[in-house]
Amino acid sequence: MGNEETEHEEFTPKGAIAFFVVLLVFFIVTWFALYFEMLGRG
């Protein structure tokens, strides 16, 4: 049983983490694009 626990602790959902990072970057870029667009309009 101890062996299964260490295998479980070492597992990292790389795909989910990568998806979350891409989503976060997308929202940040979108937010800044809209922000600077509104700044330009005054």
Protein backbone atom coordinates (compact mmCIF):
# COMPACT_ATOMS: atom_id res chain seq x y z
CA MET A 1 0.00 0.00 0.00
CA GLY A 2 2.83 2.41 0.73
CA ASN A 3 4.04 2.01 -2.83
CA GLU A 4 0.64 3.00 -4.27
CA GLU A 5 0.55 6.16 -2.17
CA THR A 6 3.92 7.36 -3.45
CA GLU A 7 2.84 6.70 -7.05
CA HIS A 8 -0.33 8.68 -6.43
CA GLU A 9 1.62 11.61 -4.93
CA GLU A 10 3.98 11.74 -7.91
CA PHE A 11 1.12 11.93 -10.42
CA THR A 12 0.61 15.42 -11.81
CA PRO A 13 -2.12 16.17 -14.35
CA LYS A 14 0.15 17.89 -16.88
CA GLY A 15 -2.58 18.28 -19.48
CA ALA A 16 -4.97 19.96 -17.04
CA ILE A 17 -2.24 22.25 -15.73
CA ALA A 18 -1.20 23.21 -19.26
CA PHE A 19 -4.85 23.89 -20.19
CA PHE A 20 -5.30 26.06 -17.10
CA VAL A 21 -2.13 28.05 -17.87
CA VAL A 22 -3.19 28.59 -21.50
CA LEU A 23 -6.65 29.68 -20.36
CA LEU A 24 -5.14 32.07 -17.81
CA VAL A 25 -2.81 33.60 -20.40
CA PHE A 26 -5.72 33.95 -22.85
CA PHE A 27 -7.84 35.82 -20.31
CA ILE A 28 -4.94 38.08 -19.30
CA VAL A 29 -4.21 39.00 -22.92
CA THR A 30 -7.91 39.61 -23.62
CA TRP A 31 -8.26 41.76 -20.51
CA PHE A 32 -5.23 43.90 -21.37
CA ALA A 33 -6.37 44.28 -24.98
CA LEU A 34 -9.76 45.55 -23.85
CA TYR A 35 -8.17 47.70 -21.15
CA PHE A 36 -5.84 49.46 -23.55
CA GLU A 37 -8.63 49.83 -26.09
CA MET A 38 -10.72 51.64 -23.49
CA LEU A 39 -7.73 53.78 -22.47
CA GLY A 40 -7.25 54.79 -26.09
CA ARG A 41 -10.85 55.89 -26.40
CA GLY A 42 -10.56 58.06 -23.33
